[in-house]
Amino acid sequence: MTDITVRRIDYGWFVRPATETGTGSPRVEPTLGYLVDHPDGQLLIDTGMGSHPEVDAHYQPRRIALNAALAAAGTIKSQIRYVVNCHLHFDHCGGNPELAGTPVFTQRTELRTARTVTHHTLPELLDGGRYEELDGEAEILPGVLVVPTPGHTAGHQSVVLTTGDGTVIVAGQSHDHATAFTSDVLGAHAGVGEQPPWLAGLLDLDPRRIVFAHDNAVWEP
């Protein structure tokens, strides 16, 4: 599928508090999306950070608005034909209301959790969305495969893209960073530790590179 290309979208950054990093220190993390140029139209993977006073106090975000983020990548909102959210936390679906009427692909489990579990997301970010609910793996466009990768949330999903440069996987927040993914891959080879049950299947897709939502680093085999 040589006509598929992928570009990173920069939505800014936030500060993950020490209580959430597991290191005893706060960590500044980017918030990244990915723009997929496809023969059937542009697909946007994640839409940026939503806003709420409590969220802002907790994470100290520095947002790049959706319009500005898309402009930096050379496109505009009206060109976005499809959206995939890896999951529905505030920092991945913040721009969804600005894309009302655009099909948004999400796992049914994730959408149900977001609508019923307090503090899973900011409820207003779901308003008006045209959600296309998936039950597991699905090819949503030719060369665009959505694969469940639960862990961070029960309905987390990754996107597998067949490009002319090999298979690219947008793994979202399956792992907080590429180093954690590397550790799981090496652990699986060495028979050490416990890895996600979906990891072997993801690697069987022979990815040339894997990218993440909160890390500029790229995993390569």
N, C-alpha and C. Protein backbone atom coordinates (compact mmCIF):
# COMPACT_ATOMS: atom_id res chain seq x y z
N MET A 1 0.87 -1.19 0.00
CA MET A 1 0.00 0.00 0.00
C MET A 1 0.90 1.24 0.00
N THR A 2 1.53 1.50 -1.16
CA THR A 2 2.59 2.50 -1.23
C THR A 2 2.07 3.92 -1.05
N ASP A 3 0.78 4.16 -1.16
CA ASP A 3 0.25 5.52 -1.09
C ASP A 3 -0.02 5.97 0.34
N ILE A 4 0.23 5.12 1.35
CA ILE A 4 0.01 5.49 2.74
C ILE A 4 1.30 6.06 3.33
N THR A 5 1.21 7.26 3.90
CA THR A 5 2.34 7.84 4.61
C THR A 5 1.86 8.33 5.98
N VAL A 6 2.81 8.50 6.90
CA VAL A 6 2.48 8.86 8.29
C VAL A 6 3.34 10.05 8.71
N ARG A 7 2.70 11.05 9.33
CA ARG A 7 3.41 12.21 9.85
C ARG A 7 3.03 12.42 11.31
N ARG A 8 4.01 12.85 12.09
CA ARG A 8 3.76 13.13 13.51
C ARG A 8 3.06 14.48 13.66
N ILE A 9 2.14 14.54 14.63
CA ILE A 9 1.45 15.78 15.00
C ILE A 9 1.85 16.13 16.43
N ASP A 10 2.28 17.36 16.66
CA ASP A 10 2.71 17.82 17.98
C ASP A 10 1.59 18.59 18.65
N TYR A 11 1.06 18.05 19.75
CA TYR A 11 0.00 18.72 20.50
C TYR A 11 0.50 19.40 21.77
N GLY A 12 1.81 19.46 21.97
CA GLY A 12 2.34 20.10 23.16
C GLY A 12 2.90 19.10 24.16
N TRP A 13 2.83 19.45 25.46
CA TRP A 13 3.40 18.58 26.49
C TRP A 13 2.71 18.81 27.82
N PHE A 14 2.95 17.91 28.75
CA PHE A 14 2.42 18.05 30.10
C PHE A 14 3.44 17.46 31.08
N VAL A 15 3.21 17.71 32.36
CA VAL A 15 4.11 17.22 33.40
C VAL A 15 3.41 16.10 34.16
N ARG A 16 3.92 14.89 34.03
CA ARG A 16 3.37 13.77 34.79
C ARG A 16 3.94 13.82 36.20
N PRO A 17 3.06 13.90 37.21
CA PRO A 17 3.56 14.05 38.58
C PRO A 17 4.37 12.84 39.04
N ALA A 18 5.20 13.07 40.05
CA ALA A 18 6.05 12.00 40.58
C ALA A 18 5.25 10.80 41.03
N THR A 19 4.04 11.02 41.50
CA THR A 19 3.20 9.92 41.98
C THR A 19 2.77 8.99 40.86
N GLU A 20 2.94 9.42 39.60
CA GLU A 20 2.48 8.62 38.46
C GLU A 20 3.62 8.06 37.61
N THR A 21 4.84 8.47 37.89
CA THR A 21 5.95 8.05 37.02
C THR A 21 6.62 6.77 37.46
N GLY A 22 6.48 6.43 38.75
CA GLY A 22 7.17 5.26 39.27
C GLY A 22 8.64 5.48 39.52
N THR A 23 9.12 6.71 39.35
CA THR A 23 10.54 7.01 39.54
C THR A 23 10.80 7.90 40.74
N GLY A 24 9.74 8.46 41.32
CA GLY A 24 9.91 9.39 42.42
C GLY A 24 10.13 10.82 41.98
N SER A 25 10.18 11.05 40.66
CA SER A 25 10.38 12.39 40.11
C SER A 25 9.34 12.67 39.03
N PRO A 26 8.95 13.93 38.86
CA PRO A 26 8.03 14.25 37.76
C PRO A 26 8.73 14.08 36.42
N ARG A 27 7.94 13.92 35.37
CA ARG A 27 8.51 13.72 34.03
C ARG A 27 7.69 14.53 33.02
N VAL A 28 8.36 15.29 32.19
CA VAL A 28 7.69 16.03 31.12
C VAL A 28 7.53 15.11 29.92
N GLU A 29 6.31 15.03 29.40
CA GLU A 29 6.03 14.12 28.29
C GLU A 29 5.38 14.87 27.14
N PRO A 30 5.78 14.56 25.91
CA PRO A 30 5.07 15.13 24.76
C PRO A 30 3.70 14.48 24.60
N THR A 31 2.83 15.19 23.93
CA THR A 31 1.55 14.62 23.51
C THR A 31 1.53 14.63 21.99
N LEU A 32 1.54 13.44 21.41
CA LEU A 32 1.71 13.29 19.97
C LEU A 32 0.51 12.60 19.33
N GLY A 33 0.16 13.06 18.16
CA GLY A 33 -0.78 12.35 17.31
C GLY A 33 -0.08 11.98 16.01
N TYR A 34 -0.82 11.34 15.12
CA TYR A 34 -0.22 10.93 13.85
C TYR A 34 -1.24 11.14 12.73
N LEU A 35 -0.78 11.77 11.67
CA LEU A 35 -1.62 12.04 10.50
C LEU A 35 -1.27 11.04 9.42
N VAL A 36 -2.27 10.32 8.97
CA VAL A 36 -2.09 9.29 7.94
C VAL A 36 -2.67 9.80 6.63
N ASP A 37 -1.82 9.94 5.63
CA ASP A 37 -2.28 10.27 4.29
C ASP A 37 -2.62 8.97 3.57
N HIS A 38 -3.88 8.84 3.20
CA HIS A 38 -4.40 7.59 2.63
C HIS A 38 -5.16 7.93 1.35
N PRO A 39 -5.17 7.04 0.37
CA PRO A 39 -5.92 7.32 -0.86
C PRO A 39 -7.40 7.63 -0.63
N ASP A 40 -7.97 7.11 0.47
CA ASP A 40 -9.38 7.36 0.76
C ASP A 40 -9.60 8.60 1.63
N GLY A 41 -8.54 9.34 1.93
CA GLY A 41 -8.66 10.55 2.74
C GLY A 41 -7.76 10.51 3.95
N GLN A 42 -7.55 11.66 4.56
CA GLN A 42 -6.65 11.73 5.71
C GLN A 42 -7.30 11.16 6.97
N LEU A 43 -6.51 10.40 7.71
CA LEU A 43 -6.93 9.81 8.98
C LEU A 43 -6.06 10.40 10.08
N LEU A 44 -6.68 10.83 11.17
CA LEU A 44 -5.95 11.41 12.29
C LEU A 44 -6.01 10.46 13.48
N ILE A 45 -4.85 10.08 13.99
CA ILE A 45 -4.77 9.22 15.16
C ILE A 45 -4.49 10.10 16.37
N ASP A 46 -5.47 10.25 17.22
CA ASP A 46 -5.50 11.09 18.42
C ASP A 46 -5.58 12.57 18.04
N THR A 47 -6.26 13.34 18.92
CA THR A 47 -6.64 14.70 18.55
C THR A 47 -6.20 15.76 19.55
N GLY A 48 -5.35 15.41 20.52
CA GLY A 48 -4.83 16.43 21.42
C GLY A 48 -5.46 16.42 22.79
N MET A 49 -5.12 17.45 23.57
CA MET A 49 -5.49 17.51 24.99
C MET A 49 -6.72 18.37 25.23
N GLY A 50 -7.67 17.80 25.97
CA GLY A 50 -8.81 18.56 26.44
C GLY A 50 -8.43 19.44 27.62
N SER A 51 -9.34 20.31 28.02
CA SER A 51 -9.04 21.29 29.06
C SER A 51 -10.07 21.22 30.18
N HIS A 52 -9.59 21.29 31.42
CA HIS A 52 -10.43 21.36 32.61
C HIS A 52 -9.56 21.91 33.73
N PRO A 53 -10.10 22.77 34.60
CA PRO A 53 -9.26 23.37 35.65
C PRO A 53 -8.52 22.35 36.51
N GLU A 54 -9.18 21.26 36.88
CA GLU A 54 -8.51 20.26 37.71
C GLU A 54 -7.41 19.54 36.93
N VAL A 55 -7.68 19.25 35.68
CA VAL A 55 -6.67 18.61 34.82
C VAL A 55 -5.47 19.53 34.66
N ASP A 56 -5.74 20.81 34.40
CA ASP A 56 -4.65 21.76 34.19
C ASP A 56 -3.80 21.92 35.44
N ALA A 57 -4.44 21.93 36.60
CA ALA A 57 -3.70 22.06 37.85
C ALA A 57 -2.83 20.83 38.10
N HIS A 58 -3.33 19.67 37.71
CA HIS A 58 -2.63 18.42 37.99
C HIS A 58 -1.48 18.17 37.02
N TYR A 59 -1.69 18.46 35.72
CA TYR A 59 -0.72 18.09 34.69
C TYR A 59 0.03 19.27 34.08
N GLN A 60 -0.37 20.50 34.38
CA GLN A 60 0.33 21.69 33.87
C GLN A 60 0.56 21.62 32.35
N PRO A 61 -0.46 21.34 31.57
CA PRO A 61 -0.23 21.15 30.13
C PRO A 61 0.12 22.45 29.41
N ARG A 62 0.87 22.31 28.36
CA ARG A 62 1.14 23.39 27.41
C ARG A 62 0.63 22.89 26.06
N ARG A 63 -0.56 23.34 25.71
CA ARG A 63 -1.26 22.78 24.55
C ARG A 63 -0.89 23.48 23.26
N ILE A 64 -0.86 22.72 22.19
CA ILE A 64 -0.92 23.26 20.84
C ILE A 64 -2.30 22.89 20.30
N ALA A 65 -3.08 23.91 19.99
CA ALA A 65 -4.46 23.70 19.56
C ALA A 65 -4.51 22.88 18.27
N LEU A 66 -5.64 22.21 18.07
CA LEU A 66 -5.78 21.32 16.93
C LEU A 66 -5.50 22.04 15.61
N ASN A 67 -6.09 23.22 15.41
CA ASN A 67 -5.87 23.94 14.15
C ASN A 67 -4.39 24.21 13.91
N ALA A 68 -3.70 24.66 14.97
CA ALA A 68 -2.28 24.98 14.82
C ALA A 68 -1.44 23.72 14.60
N ALA A 69 -1.80 22.65 15.30
CA ALA A 69 -1.05 21.40 15.15
C ALA A 69 -1.19 20.84 13.74
N LEU A 70 -2.40 20.90 13.21
CA LEU A 70 -2.62 20.42 11.84
C LEU A 70 -1.93 21.31 10.82
N ALA A 71 -1.98 22.61 11.05
CA ALA A 71 -1.34 23.55 10.12
C ALA A 71 0.15 23.29 10.04
N ALA A 72 0.76 22.98 11.18
CA ALA A 72 2.20 22.69 11.19
C ALA A 72 2.53 21.44 10.38
N ALA A 73 1.55 20.56 10.23
CA ALA A 73 1.74 19.34 9.43
C ALA A 73 1.25 19.52 8.00
N GLY A 74 0.77 20.72 7.68
CA GLY A 74 0.39 21.01 6.31
C GLY A 74 -1.01 20.61 5.93
N THR A 75 -1.93 20.58 6.93
CA THR A 75 -3.31 20.24 6.60
C THR A 75 -4.27 21.08 7.45
N ILE A 76 -5.56 20.88 7.26
CA ILE A 76 -6.60 21.60 8.00
C ILE A 76 -7.70 20.62 8.41
N LYS A 77 -8.54 21.04 9.34
CA LYS A 77 -9.56 20.14 9.89
C LYS A 77 -10.49 19.59 8.82
N SER A 78 -10.83 20.39 7.83
CA SER A 78 -11.79 19.93 6.83
C SER A 78 -11.24 18.80 5.97
N GLN A 79 -9.92 18.59 6.01
CA GLN A 79 -9.32 17.50 5.24
C GLN A 79 -9.33 16.17 5.99
N ILE A 80 -9.65 16.20 7.28
CA ILE A 80 -9.65 14.97 8.08
C ILE A 80 -10.93 14.20 7.83
N ARG A 81 -10.80 13.00 7.27
CA ARG A 81 -11.97 12.19 6.93
C ARG A 81 -12.29 11.16 8.01
N TYR A 82 -11.27 10.74 8.77
CA TYR A 82 -11.45 9.68 9.77
C TYR A 82 -10.58 10.00 10.98
N VAL A 83 -11.03 9.51 12.15
CA VAL A 83 -10.26 9.66 13.39
C VAL A 83 -10.19 8.30 14.07
N VAL A 84 -9.04 8.00 14.66
CA VAL A 84 -8.89 6.87 15.57
C VAL A 84 -8.33 7.41 16.87
N ASN A 85 -8.97 7.11 17.98
CA ASN A 85 -8.39 7.40 19.30
C ASN A 85 -7.81 6.11 19.86
N CYS A 86 -6.53 6.13 20.25
CA CYS A 86 -5.98 4.91 20.84
C CYS A 86 -6.73 4.57 22.13
N HIS A 87 -7.15 5.59 22.86
CA HIS A 87 -8.09 5.44 23.97
C HIS A 87 -8.68 6.81 24.24
N LEU A 88 -9.56 6.93 25.22
CA LEU A 88 -10.36 8.14 25.36
C LEU A 88 -10.02 8.96 26.60
N HIS A 89 -8.81 8.86 27.10
CA HIS A 89 -8.37 9.80 28.13
C HIS A 89 -8.27 11.20 27.54
N PHE A 90 -8.31 12.21 28.41
CA PHE A 90 -8.42 13.60 27.96
C PHE A 90 -7.31 14.02 27.01
N ASP A 91 -6.12 13.42 27.14
CA ASP A 91 -4.97 13.86 26.35
C ASP A 91 -4.88 13.17 25.00
N HIS A 92 -5.90 12.39 24.65
CA HIS A 92 -5.91 11.71 23.36
C HIS A 92 -7.14 12.05 22.52
N CYS A 93 -8.17 12.58 23.15
CA CYS A 93 -9.42 12.87 22.41
C CYS A 93 -9.85 14.32 22.58
N GLY A 94 -8.92 15.20 22.98
CA GLY A 94 -9.29 16.58 23.27
C GLY A 94 -9.86 17.35 22.10
N GLY A 95 -9.45 17.00 20.87
CA GLY A 95 -9.95 17.69 19.70
C GLY A 95 -11.16 17.05 19.05
N ASN A 96 -11.66 15.97 19.62
CA ASN A 96 -12.81 15.28 19.01
C ASN A 96 -14.01 16.20 18.77
N PRO A 97 -14.38 17.06 19.74
CA PRO A 97 -15.55 17.93 19.49
C PRO A 97 -15.36 18.86 18.30
N GLU A 98 -14.14 19.19 17.95
CA GLU A 98 -13.89 20.06 16.80
C GLU A 98 -14.03 19.32 15.47
N LEU A 99 -14.15 18.00 15.55
CA LEU A 99 -14.28 17.19 14.34
C LEU A 99 -15.64 16.49 14.31
N ALA A 100 -16.64 17.15 14.86
CA ALA A 100 -17.99 16.58 14.93
C ALA A 100 -18.45 16.16 13.54
N GLY A 101 -19.04 14.96 13.48
CA GLY A 101 -19.50 14.41 12.21
C GLY A 101 -18.49 13.52 11.53
N THR A 102 -17.23 13.58 11.96
CA THR A 102 -16.19 12.72 11.40
C THR A 102 -16.23 11.36 12.08
N PRO A 103 -16.20 10.26 11.35
CA PRO A 103 -16.21 8.95 12.00
C PRO A 103 -14.99 8.79 12.93
N VAL A 104 -15.26 8.36 14.16
CA VAL A 104 -14.22 8.15 15.16
C VAL A 104 -14.24 6.67 15.54
N PHE A 105 -13.17 5.96 15.24
CA PHE A 105 -13.10 4.53 15.51
C PHE A 105 -12.55 4.29 16.90
N THR A 106 -13.30 3.53 17.70
CA THR A 106 -12.89 3.21 19.06
C THR A 106 -13.41 1.83 19.41
N GLN A 107 -12.75 1.19 20.35
CA GLN A 107 -13.27 -0.09 20.83
C GLN A 107 -14.54 0.14 21.63
N ARG A 108 -15.51 -0.73 21.45
CA ARG A 108 -16.78 -0.61 22.16
C ARG A 108 -16.54 -0.57 23.68
N THR A 109 -15.61 -1.41 24.15
CA THR A 109 -15.28 -1.46 25.57
C THR A 109 -14.78 -0.10 26.06
N GLU A 110 -13.95 0.55 25.26
CA GLU A 110 -13.38 1.85 25.66
C GLU A 110 -14.46 2.92 25.73
N LEU A 111 -15.33 2.96 24.74
CA LEU A 111 -16.39 3.97 24.73
C LEU A 111 -17.36 3.77 25.89
N ARG A 112 -17.70 2.53 26.17
CA ARG A 112 -18.59 2.25 27.29
C ARG A 112 -17.95 2.69 28.61
N THR A 113 -16.68 2.41 28.77
CA THR A 113 -15.98 2.83 29.99
C THR A 113 -15.95 4.35 30.10
N ALA A 114 -15.64 5.02 29.00
CA ALA A 114 -15.56 6.48 29.02
C ALA A 114 -16.90 7.12 29.37
N ARG A 115 -17.99 6.47 28.98
CA ARG A 115 -19.31 7.03 29.24
C ARG A 115 -19.87 6.69 30.61
N THR A 116 -19.29 5.70 31.28
CA THR A 116 -19.90 5.22 32.53
C THR A 116 -18.99 5.30 33.74
N VAL A 117 -17.69 5.37 33.55
CA VAL A 117 -16.76 5.36 34.68
C VAL A 117 -16.30 6.78 34.98
N THR A 118 -16.58 7.25 36.18
CA THR A 118 -16.20 8.59 36.59
C THR A 118 -14.69 8.77 36.50
N HIS A 119 -14.26 9.92 35.98
CA HIS A 119 -12.86 10.32 35.88
C HIS A 119 -12.09 9.57 34.79
N HIS A 120 -12.75 8.72 33.99
CA HIS A 120 -12.02 8.09 32.89
C HIS A 120 -11.62 9.14 31.85
N THR A 121 -12.53 10.08 31.61
CA THR A 121 -12.25 11.14 30.65
C THR A 121 -13.07 12.36 31.03
N LEU A 122 -12.95 13.42 30.24
CA LEU A 122 -13.80 14.59 30.40
C LEU A 122 -15.05 14.34 29.55
N PRO A 123 -16.22 14.17 30.17
CA PRO A 123 -17.41 13.75 29.41
C PRO A 123 -17.73 14.63 28.22
N GLU A 124 -17.46 15.93 28.32
CA GLU A 124 -17.80 16.83 27.22
C GLU A 124 -17.00 16.53 25.96
N LEU A 125 -15.88 15.83 26.09
CA LEU A 125 -15.09 15.50 24.91
C LEU A 125 -15.76 14.44 24.04
N LEU A 126 -16.74 13.75 24.60
CA LEU A 126 -17.45 12.72 23.84
C LEU A 126 -18.70 13.25 23.15
N ASP A 127 -19.13 14.46 23.53
CA ASP A 127 -20.38 15.01 23.02
C ASP A 127 -20.31 15.20 21.50
N GLY A 128 -21.36 14.74 20.85
CA GLY A 128 -21.49 14.99 19.41
C GLY A 128 -20.63 14.13 18.53
N GLY A 129 -19.89 13.20 19.15
CA GLY A 129 -19.01 12.37 18.35
C GLY A 129 -19.77 11.32 17.55
N ARG A 130 -19.30 11.05 16.34
CA ARG A 130 -19.88 9.99 15.50
C ARG A 130 -18.99 8.75 15.66
N TYR A 131 -19.25 8.01 16.73
CA TYR A 131 -18.35 6.91 17.09
C TYR A 131 -18.71 5.64 16.33
N GLU A 132 -17.69 5.05 15.74
CA GLU A 132 -17.79 3.76 15.08
C GLU A 132 -17.19 2.72 16.03
N GLU A 133 -18.03 1.92 16.67
CA GLU A 133 -17.57 1.03 17.72
C GLU A 133 -17.06 -0.29 17.14
N LEU A 134 -15.88 -0.67 17.58
CA LEU A 134 -15.23 -1.90 17.11
C LEU A 134 -15.22 -2.93 18.24
N ASP A 135 -15.35 -4.17 17.86
CA ASP A 135 -15.24 -5.28 18.81
C ASP A 135 -14.04 -6.13 18.41
N GLY A 136 -12.86 -5.62 18.75
CA GLY A 136 -11.65 -6.34 18.40
C GLY A 136 -11.00 -5.80 17.14
N GLU A 137 -10.20 -6.65 16.51
CA GLU A 137 -9.41 -6.27 15.35
C GLU A 137 -10.30 -5.95 14.16
N ALA A 138 -9.93 -4.90 13.41
CA ALA A 138 -10.74 -4.51 12.25
C ALA A 138 -9.88 -3.74 11.25
N GLU A 139 -10.03 -4.04 9.97
CA GLU A 139 -9.41 -3.24 8.92
C GLU A 139 -10.39 -2.14 8.55
N ILE A 140 -10.11 -0.92 8.97
CA ILE A 140 -11.08 0.16 8.79
C ILE A 140 -10.94 0.83 7.42
N LEU A 141 -9.76 0.72 6.82
CA LEU A 141 -9.49 1.16 5.46
C LEU A 141 -8.47 0.19 4.87
N PRO A 142 -8.35 0.11 3.57
CA PRO A 142 -7.32 -0.75 3.02
C PRO A 142 -5.93 -0.36 3.55
N GLY A 143 -5.25 -1.32 4.14
CA GLY A 143 -3.93 -1.06 4.69
C GLY A 143 -3.92 -0.40 6.05
N VAL A 144 -5.09 -0.25 6.68
CA VAL A 144 -5.18 0.36 8.01
C VAL A 144 -5.91 -0.62 8.93
N LEU A 145 -5.15 -1.27 9.79
CA LEU A 145 -5.67 -2.30 10.68
C LEU A 145 -5.64 -1.80 12.12
N VAL A 146 -6.79 -1.84 12.78
CA VAL A 146 -6.87 -1.50 14.20
C VAL A 146 -6.78 -2.79 15.01
N VAL A 147 -5.88 -2.80 16.00
CA VAL A 147 -5.61 -3.99 16.80
C VAL A 147 -5.75 -3.65 18.28
N PRO A 148 -6.58 -4.39 19.04
CA PRO A 148 -6.66 -4.14 20.48
C PRO A 148 -5.32 -4.40 21.16
N THR A 149 -4.90 -3.46 22.00
CA THR A 149 -3.68 -3.62 22.80
C THR A 149 -3.99 -3.18 24.23
N PRO A 150 -4.85 -3.90 24.92
CA PRO A 150 -5.29 -3.49 26.25
C PRO A 150 -4.16 -3.52 27.27
N GLY A 151 -4.34 -2.69 28.28
CA GLY A 151 -3.36 -2.61 29.36
C GLY A 151 -3.48 -1.26 30.03
N HIS A 152 -3.10 -0.21 29.34
CA HIS A 152 -3.26 1.14 29.89
C HIS A 152 -4.73 1.40 30.18
N THR A 153 -5.59 1.02 29.25
CA THR A 153 -7.03 0.91 29.50
C THR A 153 -7.48 -0.41 28.88
N ALA A 154 -8.65 -0.87 29.30
CA ALA A 154 -9.16 -2.15 28.78
C ALA A 154 -9.46 -2.07 27.29
N GLY A 155 -9.77 -0.87 26.80
CA GLY A 155 -10.12 -0.71 25.39
C GLY A 155 -9.05 -0.04 24.55
N HIS A 156 -7.82 -0.01 25.04
CA HIS A 156 -6.75 0.62 24.27
C HIS A 156 -6.54 -0.14 22.95
N GLN A 157 -6.22 0.62 21.89
CA GLN A 157 -5.99 0.01 20.59
C GLN A 157 -4.82 0.69 19.89
N SER A 158 -4.18 -0.05 19.00
CA SER A 158 -3.09 0.45 18.18
C SER A 158 -3.50 0.38 16.72
N VAL A 159 -2.76 1.10 15.88
CA VAL A 159 -3.09 1.16 14.45
C VAL A 159 -1.89 0.67 13.64
N VAL A 160 -2.13 -0.31 12.79
CA VAL A 160 -1.09 -0.92 11.96
C VAL A 160 -1.27 -0.42 10.53
N LEU A 161 -0.23 0.21 10.00
CA LEU A 161 -0.30 0.86 8.68
C LEU A 161 0.66 0.18 7.72
N THR A 162 0.13 -0.26 6.59
CA THR A 162 0.95 -0.88 5.56
C THR A 162 1.38 0.19 4.58
N THR A 163 2.62 0.63 4.68
CA THR A 163 3.13 1.70 3.83
C THR A 163 4.15 1.15 2.84
N GLY A 164 4.53 1.97 1.88
CA GLY A 164 5.54 1.56 0.93
C GLY A 164 6.91 1.40 1.55
N ASP A 165 7.06 1.92 2.77
CA ASP A 165 8.33 1.84 3.49
C ASP A 165 8.29 0.76 4.57
N GLY A 166 7.32 -0.14 4.48
CA GLY A 166 7.17 -1.18 5.49
C GLY A 166 6.01 -0.90 6.43
N THR A 167 5.82 -1.79 7.38
CA THR A 167 4.71 -1.67 8.32
C THR A 167 5.07 -0.71 9.46
N VAL A 168 4.20 0.27 9.67
CA VAL A 168 4.35 1.22 10.76
C VAL A 168 3.21 0.99 11.74
N ILE A 169 3.54 0.88 13.02
CA ILE A 169 2.51 0.70 14.05
C ILE A 169 2.49 1.92 14.95
N VAL A 170 1.33 2.54 15.03
CA VAL A 170 1.11 3.62 15.99
C VAL A 170 0.55 2.97 17.25
N ALA A 171 1.41 2.83 18.26
CA ALA A 171 1.05 2.06 19.45
C ALA A 171 0.48 2.90 20.57
N GLY A 172 0.30 4.19 20.33
CA GLY A 172 -0.36 5.04 21.31
C GLY A 172 0.30 4.97 22.68
N GLN A 173 -0.50 4.64 23.68
CA GLN A 173 0.02 4.51 25.04
C GLN A 173 -0.01 3.05 25.48
N SER A 174 0.22 2.15 24.53
CA SER A 174 0.40 0.75 24.91
C SER A 174 1.53 0.64 25.92
N HIS A 175 2.53 1.52 25.75
CA HIS A 175 3.64 1.69 26.70
C HIS A 175 3.85 3.19 26.86
N ASP A 176 4.32 3.61 28.02
CA ASP A 176 4.54 5.03 28.24
C ASP A 176 5.64 5.58 27.36
N HIS A 177 6.60 4.74 26.99
CA HIS A 177 7.71 5.21 26.16
C HIS A 177 8.34 4.02 25.45
N ALA A 178 9.18 4.33 24.45
CA ALA A 178 9.80 3.29 23.62
C ALA A 178 10.71 2.38 24.44
N THR A 179 11.34 2.93 25.48
CA THR A 179 12.21 2.12 26.31
C THR A 179 11.44 1.00 27.00
N ALA A 180 10.25 1.29 27.47
CA ALA A 180 9.43 0.26 28.11
C ALA A 180 9.02 -0.81 27.11
N PHE A 181 8.73 -0.40 25.87
CA PHE A 181 8.40 -1.37 24.83
C PHE A 181 9.62 -2.26 24.55
N THR A 182 10.80 -1.65 24.43
CA THR A 182 12.02 -2.41 24.20
C THR A 182 12.24 -3.43 25.30
N SER A 183 12.02 -3.02 26.54
CA SER A 183 12.20 -3.92 27.67
C SER A 183 11.29 -5.13 27.57
N ASP A 184 10.03 -4.91 27.17
CA ASP A 184 9.11 -6.03 27.03
C ASP A 184 9.52 -6.96 25.88
N VAL A 185 9.99 -6.39 24.77
CA VAL A 185 10.41 -7.22 23.64
C VAL A 185 11.61 -8.07 24.04
N LEU A 186 12.59 -7.48 24.69
CA LEU A 186 13.77 -8.23 25.11
C LEU A 186 13.41 -9.26 26.18
N GLY A 187 12.50 -8.88 27.06
CA GLY A 187 12.05 -9.82 28.09
C GLY A 187 11.38 -11.04 27.48
N ALA A 188 10.60 -10.82 26.43
CA ALA A 188 9.93 -11.94 25.75
C ALA A 188 10.96 -12.87 25.12
N HIS A 189 12.00 -12.31 24.48
CA HIS A 189 13.05 -13.13 23.88
C HIS A 189 13.82 -13.92 24.93
N ALA A 190 14.03 -13.27 26.10
CA ALA A 190 14.84 -13.90 27.13
C ALA A 190 14.03 -14.78 28.07
N GLY A 191 12.70 -14.73 27.94
CA GLY A 191 11.86 -15.48 28.86
C GLY A 191 11.88 -14.92 30.26
N VAL A 192 12.01 -13.60 30.35
CA VAL A 192 12.10 -12.92 31.65
C VAL A 192 10.92 -11.96 31.79
N GLY A 193 10.27 -11.99 32.95
CA GLY A 193 9.19 -11.05 33.21
C GLY A 193 7.89 -11.47 32.56
N GLU A 194 6.91 -10.57 32.66
CA GLU A 194 5.58 -10.84 32.12
C GLU A 194 5.23 -9.75 31.13
N GLN A 195 4.96 -10.14 29.88
CA GLN A 195 4.67 -9.20 28.82
C GLN A 195 3.17 -9.22 28.47
N PRO A 196 2.68 -8.16 27.82
CA PRO A 196 1.28 -8.17 27.39
C PRO A 196 1.00 -9.35 26.47
N PRO A 197 -0.15 -9.98 26.58
CA PRO A 197 -0.44 -11.15 25.75
C PRO A 197 -0.52 -10.85 24.26
N TRP A 198 -0.73 -9.57 23.91
CA TRP A 198 -0.84 -9.21 22.49
C TRP A 198 0.51 -8.88 21.85
N LEU A 199 1.58 -8.83 22.64
CA LEU A 199 2.86 -8.36 22.12
C LEU A 199 3.38 -9.24 20.97
N ALA A 200 3.33 -10.56 21.13
CA ALA A 200 3.85 -11.45 20.10
C ALA A 200 3.10 -11.26 18.79
N GLY A 201 1.79 -11.09 18.86
CA GLY A 201 1.01 -10.88 17.64
C GLY A 201 1.36 -9.59 16.94
N LEU A 202 1.65 -8.55 17.73
CA LEU A 202 2.04 -7.28 17.14
C LEU A 202 3.38 -7.41 16.42
N LEU A 203 4.32 -8.10 17.04
CA LEU A 203 5.63 -8.28 16.42
C LEU A 203 5.57 -9.20 15.21
N ASP A 204 4.60 -10.13 15.20
CA ASP A 204 4.42 -11.00 14.04
C ASP A 204 4.03 -10.22 12.78
N LEU A 205 3.54 -8.99 12.96
CA LEU A 205 3.17 -8.16 11.82
C LEU A 205 4.40 -7.54 11.15
N ASP A 206 5.59 -7.84 11.67
CA ASP A 206 6.87 -7.44 11.08
C ASP A 206 6.98 -5.93 10.93
N PRO A 207 6.80 -5.19 12.03
CA PRO A 207 6.87 -3.73 11.91
C PRO A 207 8.28 -3.24 11.60
N ARG A 208 8.33 -2.24 10.74
CA ARG A 208 9.62 -1.58 10.48
C ARG A 208 9.91 -0.56 11.58
N ARG A 209 8.84 0.07 12.07
CA ARG A 209 9.01 0.96 13.21
C ARG A 209 7.68 1.07 13.96
N ILE A 210 7.82 1.39 15.26
CA ILE A 210 6.66 1.56 16.13
C ILE A 210 6.81 2.91 16.81
N VAL A 211 5.73 3.70 16.80
CA VAL A 211 5.76 5.03 17.39
C VAL A 211 4.72 5.11 18.50
N PHE A 212 4.88 6.11 19.37
CA PHE A 212 4.10 6.19 20.60
C PHE A 212 3.51 7.58 20.80
N ALA A 213 2.56 7.68 21.72
CA ALA A 213 1.85 8.93 21.96
C ALA A 213 2.58 9.88 22.88
N HIS A 214 3.45 9.34 23.73
CA HIS A 214 4.11 10.19 24.73
C HIS A 214 5.63 10.05 24.69
N ASP A 215 6.17 9.77 23.52
CA ASP A 215 7.61 9.64 23.37
C ASP A 215 8.01 9.96 21.94
N ASN A 216 8.96 10.86 21.78
CA ASN A 216 9.46 11.16 20.44
C ASN A 216 10.32 10.04 19.89
N ALA A 217 10.82 9.16 20.75
CA ALA A 217 11.65 8.05 20.31
C ALA A 217 10.82 7.05 19.52
N VAL A 218 11.49 6.35 18.60
CA VAL A 218 10.87 5.36 17.74
C VAL A 218 11.53 4.00 17.99
N TRP A 219 10.70 2.96 18.14
CA TRP A 219 11.25 1.61 18.28
C TRP A 219 11.44 1.01 16.89
N GLU A 220 12.60 0.40 16.69
CA GLU A 220 12.88 -0.31 15.45
C GLU A 220 13.45 -1.68 15.79
N PRO A 221 13.15 -2.71 15.00
CA PRO A 221 13.68 -4.04 15.30
C PRO A 221 15.20 -4.09 15.10
